[in-house]
Amino acid sequence: MIGQVAGISRLALIQTDSERQTYMAQLAQDTLSTSAKVSRMVLERKQNYEQRNQARQYQLKQFIQQSSLEGLESNIGK
């Protein structure tokens, strides 16, 4: 994406409208492609985060249940 932004300065060097239009169309296509890649990456990272978060929540729930059970068992034994 940085390359695309830097490439905009190339517009000043293009001499004909036809070349400029071709360059702008390619730039638009590249930007769209990059945007789609970023969107996919964001979705993938979000899904990974949610999976890790669910696993962590499950671990915490198991820990709390086990701690509560051990606390009850120790109170019953007294």
PDB file of N, CA and C in Angstrom:
ATOM      1  N   MET A   1       0.835  -1.193   0.000  1.00  0.00           N
ATOM      2  CA  MET A   1       0.000   0.000   0.000  1.00  0.00           C
ATOM      3  C   MET A   1       0.877   1.255   0.000  1.00  0.00           C
ATOM      4  N   ILE A   2       1.974   1.220   0.725  1.00  0.00           N
ATOM      5  CA  ILE A   2       2.874   2.368   0.760  1.00  0.00           C
ATOM      6  C   ILE A   2       3.437   2.625  -0.631  1.00  0.00           C
ATOM      7  N   GLY A   3       3.731   1.540  -1.342  1.00  0.00           N
ATOM      8  CA  GLY A   3       4.225   1.670  -2.714  1.00  0.00           C
ATOM      9  C   GLY A   3       3.211   2.344  -3.615  1.00  0.00           C
ATOM     10  N   GLN A   4       1.942   2.055  -3.369  1.00  0.00           N
ATOM     11  CA  GLN A   4       0.894   2.684  -4.173  1.00  0.00           C
ATOM     12  C   GLN A   4       0.830   4.178  -3.896  1.00  0.00           C
ATOM     13  N   VAL A   5       0.917   4.541  -2.646  1.00  0.00           N
ATOM     14  CA  VAL A   5       0.880   5.964  -2.295  1.00  0.00           C
ATOM     15  C   VAL A   5       2.091   6.669  -2.891  1.00  0.00           C
ATOM     16  N   ALA A   6       3.251   6.032  -2.774  1.00  0.00           N
ATOM     17  CA  ALA A   6       4.457   6.620  -3.343  1.00  0.00           C
ATOM     18  C   ALA A   6       4.363   6.702  -4.863  1.00  0.00           C
ATOM     19  N   GLY A   7       3.663   5.768  -5.472  1.00  0.00           N
ATOM     20  CA  GLY A   7       3.517   5.746  -6.918  1.00  0.00           C
ATOM     21  C   GLY A   7       2.656   6.873  -7.462  1.00  0.00           C
ATOM     22  N   ILE A   8       1.892   7.497  -6.608  1.00  0.00           N
ATOM     23  CA  ILE A   8       1.039   8.599  -7.057  1.00  0.00           C
ATOM     24  C   ILE A   8       1.885   9.744  -7.602  1.00  0.00           C
ATOM     25  N   SER A   9       3.061   9.925  -7.037  1.00  0.00           N
ATOM     26  CA  SER A   9       3.932  10.992  -7.533  1.00  0.00           C
ATOM     27  C   SER A   9       4.320  10.759  -8.991  1.00  0.00           C
ATOM     28  N   ARG A  10       4.214   9.524  -9.420  1.00  0.00           N
ATOM     29  CA  ARG A  10       4.516   9.197 -10.825  1.00  0.00           C
ATOM     30  C   ARG A  10       3.537   9.880 -11.774  1.00  0.00           C
ATOM     31  N   LEU A  11       2.360  10.204 -11.272  1.00  0.00           N
ATOM     32  CA  LEU A  11       1.355  10.868 -12.107  1.00  0.00           C
ATOM     33  C   LEU A  11       1.884  12.179 -12.693  1.00  0.00           C
ATOM     34  N   ALA A  12       2.727  12.845 -11.941  1.00  0.00           N
ATOM     35  CA  ALA A  12       3.273  14.122 -12.416  1.00  0.00           C
ATOM     36  C   ALA A  12       4.195  13.926 -13.614  1.00  0.00           C
ATOM     37  N   LEU A  13       4.749  12.741 -13.743  1.00  0.00           N
ATOM     38  CA  LEU A  13       5.682  12.470 -14.829  1.00  0.00           C
ATOM     39  C   LEU A  13       5.003  11.929 -16.091  1.00  0.00           C
ATOM     40  N   ILE A  14       3.775  11.458 -15.934  1.00  0.00           N
ATOM     41  CA  ILE A  14       3.051  10.916 -17.087  1.00  0.00           C
ATOM     42  C   ILE A  14       2.633  12.076 -17.992  1.00  0.00           C
ATOM     43  N   GLN A  15       2.850  11.890 -19.287  1.00  0.00           N
ATOM     44  CA  GLN A  15       2.663  13.013 -20.205  1.00  0.00           C
ATOM     45  C   GLN A  15       1.322  13.035 -20.922  1.00  0.00           C
ATOM     46  N   THR A  16       0.696  11.884 -21.124  1.00  0.00           N
ATOM     47  CA  THR A  16      -0.570  11.903 -21.870  1.00  0.00           C
ATOM     48  C   THR A  16      -1.741  11.497 -20.972  1.00  0.00           C
ATOM     49  N   ASP A  17      -2.915  11.947 -21.362  1.00  0.00           N
ATOM     50  CA  ASP A  17      -4.119  11.590 -20.616  1.00  0.00           C
ATOM     51  C   ASP A  17      -4.374  10.089 -20.677  1.00  0.00           C
ATOM     52  N   SER A  18      -4.088   9.501 -21.817  1.00  0.00           N
ATOM     53  CA  SER A  18      -4.292   8.061 -21.979  1.00  0.00           C
ATOM     54  C   SER A  18      -3.421   7.270 -21.006  1.00  0.00           C
ATOM     55  N   GLU A  19      -2.169   7.630 -20.914  1.00  0.00           N
ATOM     56  CA  GLU A  19      -1.271   6.954 -19.965  1.00  0.00           C
ATOM     57  C   GLU A  19      -1.737   7.189 -18.529  1.00  0.00           C
ATOM     58  N   ARG A  20      -2.173   8.401 -18.265  1.00  0.00           N
ATOM     59  CA  ARG A  20      -2.644   8.756 -16.929  1.00  0.00           C
ATOM     60  C   ARG A  20      -3.885   7.941 -16.557  1.00  0.00           C
ATOM     61  N   GLN A  21      -4.809   7.796 -17.493  1.00  0.00           N
ATOM     62  CA  GLN A  21      -6.019   7.016 -17.234  1.00  0.00           C
ATOM     63  C   GLN A  21      -5.684   5.540 -17.011  1.00  0.00           C
ATOM     64  N   THR A  22      -4.777   5.026 -17.814  1.00  0.00           N
ATOM     65  CA  THR A  22      -4.353   3.634 -17.652  1.00  0.00           C
ATOM     66  C   THR A  22      -3.703   3.429 -16.287  1.00  0.00           C
ATOM     67  N   TYR A  23      -2.838   4.361 -15.930  1.00  0.00           N
ATOM     68  CA  TYR A  23      -2.152   4.269 -14.644  1.00  0.00           C
ATOM     69  C   TYR A  23      -3.151   4.355 -13.487  1.00  0.00           C
ATOM     70  N   MET A  24      -4.105   5.262 -13.580  1.00  0.00           N
ATOM     71  CA  MET A  24      -5.111   5.425 -12.524  1.00  0.00           C
ATOM     72  C   MET A  24      -5.989   4.173 -12.403  1.00  0.00           C
ATOM     73  N   ALA A  25      -6.336   3.565 -13.540  1.00  0.00           N
ATOM     74  CA  ALA A  25      -7.136   2.339 -13.505  1.00  0.00           C
ATOM     75  C   ALA A  25      -6.356   1.219 -12.826  1.00  0.00           C
ATOM     76  N   GLN A  26      -5.077   1.107 -13.144  1.00  0.00           N
ATOM     77  CA  GLN A  26      -4.245   0.081 -12.513  1.00  0.00           C
ATOM     78  C   GLN A  26      -4.090   0.362 -11.020  1.00  0.00           C
ATOM     79  N   LEU A  27      -3.907   1.606 -10.673  1.00  0.00           N
ATOM     80  CA  LEU A  27      -3.786   1.990  -9.270  1.00  0.00           C
ATOM     81  C   LEU A  27      -5.069   1.666  -8.502  1.00  0.00           C
ATOM     82  N   ALA A  28      -6.209   1.936  -9.119  1.00  0.00           N
ATOM     83  CA  ALA A  28      -7.495   1.625  -8.490  1.00  0.00           C
ATOM     84  C   ALA A  28      -7.642   0.116  -8.291  1.00  0.00           C
ATOM     85  N   GLN A  29      -7.248  -0.658  -9.298  1.00  0.00           N
ATOM     86  CA  GLN A  29      -7.333  -2.116  -9.198  1.00  0.00           C
ATOM     87  C   GLN A  29      -6.407  -2.639  -8.103  1.00  0.00           C
ATOM     88  N   ASP A  30      -5.200  -2.115  -8.050  1.00  0.00           N
ATOM     89  CA  ASP A  30      -4.242  -2.537  -7.021  1.00  0.00           C
ATOM     90  C   ASP A  30      -4.753  -2.187  -5.624  1.00  0.00           C
ATOM     91  N   THR A  31      -5.350  -1.018  -5.505  1.00  0.00           N
ATOM     92  CA  THR A  31      -5.883  -0.586  -4.214  1.00  0.00           C
ATOM     93  C   THR A  31      -7.038  -1.488  -3.783  1.00  0.00           C
ATOM     94  N   LEU A  32      -7.894  -1.841  -4.718  1.00  0.00           N
ATOM     95  CA  LEU A  32      -9.010  -2.735  -4.430  1.00  0.00           C
ATOM     96  C   LEU A  32      -8.497  -4.104  -3.996  1.00  0.00           C
ATOM     97  N   SER A  33      -7.504  -4.606  -4.694  1.00  0.00           N
ATOM     98  CA  SER A  33      -6.909  -5.895  -4.349  1.00  0.00           C
ATOM     99  C   SER A  33      -6.286  -5.862  -2.957  1.00  0.00           C
ATOM    100  N   THR A  34      -5.569  -4.806  -2.661  1.00  0.00           N
ATOM    101  CA  THR A  34      -4.943  -4.662  -1.346  1.00  0.00           C
ATOM    102  C   THR A  34      -5.999  -4.561  -0.257  1.00  0.00           C
ATOM    103  N   SER A  35      -7.048  -3.839  -0.525  1.00  0.00           N
ATOM    104  CA  SER A  35      -8.134  -3.693   0.433  1.00  0.00           C
ATOM    105  C   SER A  35      -8.783  -5.044   0.734  1.00  0.00           C
ATOM    106  N   ALA A  36      -8.983  -5.854  -0.287  1.00  0.00           N
ATOM    107  CA  ALA A  36      -9.565  -7.186  -0.094  1.00  0.00           C
ATOM    108  C   ALA A  36      -8.638  -8.066   0.741  1.00  0.00           C
ATOM    109  N   LYS A  37      -7.347  -7.978   0.488  1.00  0.00           N
ATOM    110  CA  LYS A  37      -6.379  -8.763   1.266  1.00  0.00           C
ATOM    111  C   LYS A  37      -6.406  -8.354   2.736  1.00  0.00           C
ATOM    112  N   VAL A  38      -6.453  -7.057   2.973  1.00  0.00           N
ATOM    113  CA  VAL A  38      -6.487  -6.556   4.348  1.00  0.00           C
ATOM    114  C   VAL A  38      -7.771  -7.010   5.039  1.00  0.00           C
ATOM    115  N   SER A  39      -8.891  -6.956   4.328  1.00  0.00           N
ATOM    116  CA  SER A  39     -10.165  -7.389   4.905  1.00  0.00           C
ATOM    117  C   SER A  39     -10.121  -8.868   5.286  1.00  0.00           C
ATOM    118  N   ARG A  40      -9.549  -9.689   4.414  1.00  0.00           N
ATOM    119  CA  ARG A  40      -9.423 -11.125   4.719  1.00  0.00           C
ATOM    120  C   ARG A  40      -8.517 -11.343   5.931  1.00  0.00           C
ATOM    121  N   MET A  41      -7.426 -10.600   5.995  1.00  0.00           N
ATOM    122  CA  MET A  41      -6.502 -10.729   7.115  1.00  0.00           C
ATOM    123  C   MET A  41      -7.178 -10.331   8.426  1.00  0.00           C
ATOM    124  N   VAL A  42      -7.946  -9.251   8.407  1.00  0.00           N
ATOM    125  CA  VAL A  42      -8.653  -8.794   9.603  1.00  0.00           C
ATOM    126  C   VAL A  42      -9.658  -9.846  10.055  1.00  0.00           C
ATOM    127  N   LEU A  43     -10.396 -10.408   9.113  1.00  0.00           N
ATOM    128  CA  LEU A  43     -11.377 -11.434   9.449  1.00  0.00           C
ATOM    129  C   LEU A  43     -10.697 -12.665  10.040  1.00  0.00           C
ATOM    130  N   GLU A  44      -9.591 -13.083   9.449  1.00  0.00           N
ATOM    131  CA  GLU A  44      -8.852 -14.243   9.949  1.00  0.00           C
ATOM    132  C   GLU A  44      -8.333 -13.996  11.365  1.00  0.00           C
ATOM    133  N   ARG A  45      -7.784 -12.821  11.583  1.00  0.00           N
ATOM    134  CA  ARG A  45      -7.276 -12.497  12.921  1.00  0.00           C
ATOM    135  C   ARG A  45      -8.397 -12.430  13.944  1.00  0.00           C
ATOM    136  N   LYS A  46      -9.536 -11.901  13.537  1.00  0.00           N
ATOM    137  CA  LYS A  46     -10.684 -11.827  14.441  1.00  0.00           C
ATOM    138  C   LYS A  46     -11.159 -13.233  14.809  1.00  0.00           C
ATOM    139  N   GLN A  47     -11.225 -14.107  13.829  1.00  0.00           N
ATOM    140  CA  GLN A  47     -11.653 -15.478  14.100  1.00  0.00           C
ATOM    141  C   GLN A  47     -10.661 -16.194  15.019  1.00  0.00           C
ATOM    142  N   ASN A  48      -9.371 -15.992  14.776  1.00  0.00           N
ATOM    143  CA  ASN A  48      -8.353 -16.597  15.638  1.00  0.00           C
ATOM    144  C   ASN A  48      -8.473 -16.077  17.063  1.00  0.00           C
ATOM    145  N   TYR A  49      -8.684 -14.780  17.198  1.00  0.00           N
ATOM    146  CA  TYR A  49      -8.842 -14.184  18.523  1.00  0.00           C
ATOM    147  C   TYR A  49     -10.049 -14.784  19.239  1.00  0.00           C
ATOM    148  N   GLU A  50     -11.162 -14.890  18.529  1.00  0.00           N
ATOM    149  CA  GLU A  50     -12.376 -15.419  19.143  1.00  0.00           C
ATOM    150  C   GLU A  50     -12.194 -16.875  19.572  1.00  0.00           C
ATOM    151  N   GLN A  51     -11.489 -17.669  18.765  1.00  0.00           N
ATOM    152  CA  GLN A  51     -11.222 -19.062  19.140  1.00  0.00           C
ATOM    153  C   GLN A  51     -10.346 -19.131  20.391  1.00  0.00           C
ATOM    154  N   ARG A  52      -9.288 -18.321  20.426  1.00  0.00           N
ATOM    155  CA  ARG A  52      -8.414 -18.303  21.597  1.00  0.00           C
ATOM    156  C   ARG A  52      -9.165 -17.814  22.830  1.00  0.00           C
ATOM    157  N   ASN A  53     -10.013 -16.824  22.637  1.00  0.00           N
ATOM    158  CA  ASN A  53     -10.789 -16.273  23.746  1.00  0.00           C
ATOM    159  C   ASN A  53     -11.764 -17.322  24.289  1.00  0.00           C
ATOM    160  N   GLN A  54     -12.426 -18.048  23.405  1.00  0.00           N
ATOM    161  CA  GLN A  54     -13.354 -19.090  23.844  1.00  0.00           C
ATOM    162  C   GLN A  54     -12.621 -20.195  24.597  1.00  0.00           C
ATOM    163  N   ALA A  55     -11.446 -20.574  24.095  1.00  0.00           N
ATOM    164  CA  ALA A  55     -10.660 -21.605  24.772  1.00  0.00           C
ATOM    165  C   ALA A  55     -10.247 -21.131  26.159  1.00  0.00           C
ATOM    166  N   ARG A  56      -9.843 -19.879  26.264  1.00  0.00           N
ATOM    167  CA  ARG A  56      -9.439 -19.315  27.557  1.00  0.00           C
ATOM    168  C   ARG A  56     -10.619 -19.247  28.509  1.00  0.00           C
ATOM    169  N   GLN A  57     -11.779 -18.851  28.006  1.00  0.00           N
ATOM    170  CA  GLN A  57     -12.981 -18.794  28.843  1.00  0.00           C
ATOM    171  C   GLN A  57     -13.329 -20.188  29.376  1.00  0.00           C
ATOM    172  N   TYR A  58     -13.180 -21.191  28.532  1.00  0.00           N
ATOM    173  CA  TYR A  58     -13.452 -22.564  28.944  1.00  0.00           C
ATOM    174  C   TYR A  58     -12.476 -22.989  30.045  1.00  0.00           C
ATOM    175  N   GLN A  59     -11.187 -22.664  29.869  1.00  0.00           N
ATOM    176  CA  GLN A  59     -10.182 -23.002  30.875  1.00  0.00           C
ATOM    177  C   GLN A  59     -10.502 -22.327  32.209  1.00  0.00           C
ATOM    178  N   LEU A  60     -10.880 -21.065  32.152  1.00  0.00           N
ATOM    179  CA  LEU A  60     -11.213 -20.340  33.386  1.00  0.00           C
ATOM    180  C   LEU A  60     -12.444 -20.939  34.063  1.00  0.00           C
ATOM    181  N   LYS A  61     -13.423 -21.301  33.283  1.00  0.00           N
ATOM    182  CA  LYS A  61     -14.634 -21.916  33.826  1.00  0.00           C
ATOM    183  C   LYS A  61     -14.294 -23.238  34.508  1.00  0.00           C
ATOM    184  N   GLN A  62     -13.455 -24.044  33.854  1.00  0.00           N
ATOM    185  CA  GLN A  62     -13.040 -25.316  34.436  1.00  0.00           C
ATOM    186  C   GLN A  62     -12.273 -25.086  35.743  1.00  0.00           C
ATOM    187  N   PHE A  63     -11.399 -24.103  35.760  1.00  0.00           N
ATOM    188  CA  PHE A  63     -10.620 -23.792  36.954  1.00  0.00           C
ATOM    189  C   PHE A  63     -11.533 -23.371  38.110  1.00  0.00           C
ATOM    190  N   ILE A  64     -12.481 -22.504  37.810  1.00  0.00           N
ATOM    191  CA  ILE A  64     -13.411 -22.032  38.851  1.00  0.00           C
ATOM    192  C   ILE A  64     -14.244 -23.190  39.384  1.00  0.00           C
ATOM    193  N   GLN A  65     -14.733 -24.034  38.490  1.00  0.00           N
ATOM    194  CA  GLN A  65     -15.530 -25.183  38.925  1.00  0.00           C
ATOM    195  C   GLN A  65     -14.696 -26.125  39.793  1.00  0.00           C
ATOM    196  N   GLN A  66     -13.474 -26.381  39.380  1.00  0.00           N
ATOM    197  CA  GLN A  66     -12.604 -27.268  40.142  1.00  0.00           C
ATOM    198  C   GLN A  66     -12.271 -26.668  41.505  1.00  0.00           C
ATOM    199  N   SER A  67     -11.993 -25.372  41.530  1.00  0.00           N
ATOM    200  CA  SER A  67     -11.694 -24.700  42.801  1.00  0.00           C
ATOM    201  C   SER A  67     -12.889 -24.746  43.733  1.00  0.00           C
ATOM    202  N   SER A  68     -14.076 -24.517  43.187  1.00  0.00           N
ATOM    203  CA  SER A  68     -15.293 -24.556  44.004  1.00  0.00           C
ATOM    204  C   SER A  68     -15.535 -25.953  44.551  1.00  0.00           C
ATOM    205  N   LEU A  69     -15.337 -26.949  43.727  1.00  0.00           N
ATOM    206  CA  LEU A  69     -15.525 -28.337  44.139  1.00  0.00           C
ATOM    207  C   LEU A  69     -14.537 -28.703  45.242  1.00  0.00           C
ATOM    208  N   GLU A  70     -13.297 -28.314  45.086  1.00  0.00           N
ATOM    209  CA  GLU A  70     -12.291 -28.595  46.118  1.00  0.00           C
ATOM    210  C   GLU A  70     -12.613 -27.864  47.411  1.00  0.00           C
ATOM    211  N   GLY A  71     -13.146 -26.666  47.306  1.00  0.00           N
ATOM    212  CA  GLY A  71     -13.534 -25.915  48.499  1.00  0.00           C
ATOM    213  C   GLY A  71     -14.689 -26.587  49.223  1.00  0.00           C
ATOM    214  N   LEU A  72     -15.647 -27.075  48.473  1.00  0.00           N
ATOM    215  CA  LEU A  72     -16.776 -27.786  49.074  1.00  0.00           C
ATOM    216  C   LEU A  72     -16.316 -29.080  49.734  1.00  0.00           C
ATOM    217  N   GLU A  73     -15.439 -29.798  49.059  1.00  0.00           N
ATOM    218  CA  GLU A  73     -14.947 -31.066  49.600  1.00  0.00           C
ATOM    219  C   GLU A  73     -14.176 -30.837  50.898  1.00  0.00           C
ATOM    220  N   SER A  74     -13.397 -29.768  50.949  1.00  0.00           N
ATOM    221  CA  SER A  74     -12.624 -29.508  52.173  1.00  0.00           C
ATOM    222  C   SER A  74     -13.539 -29.084  53.320  1.00  0.00           C
ATOM    223  N   ASN A  75     -14.637 -28.388  53.014  1.00  0.00           N
ATOM    224  CA  ASN A  75     -15.593 -27.985  54.053  1.00  0.00           C
ATOM    225  C   ASN A  75     -16.394 -29.173  54.555  1.00  0.00           C
ATOM    226  N   ILE A  76     -16.708 -30.089  53.689  1.00  0.00           N
ATOM    227  CA  ILE A  76     -17.491 -31.275  54.088  1.00  0.00           C
ATOM    228  C   ILE A  76     -16.629 -32.176  54.972  1.00  0.00           C
ATOM    229  N   GLY A  77     -15.353 -32.235  54.684  1.00  0.00           N
ATOM    230  CA  GLY A  77     -14.465 -33.094  55.450  1.00  0.00           C
ATOM    231  C   GLY A  77     -14.185 -32.586  56.851  1.00  0.00           C
ATOM    232  N   LYS A  78     -14.544 -31.375  57.186  1.00  0.00           N
ATOM    233  CA  LYS A  78     -14.249 -30.806  58.516  1.00  0.00           C
ATOM    234  C   LYS A  78     -15.246 -31.224  59.543  1.00  0.00           C
TER     235      LYS A  78
END
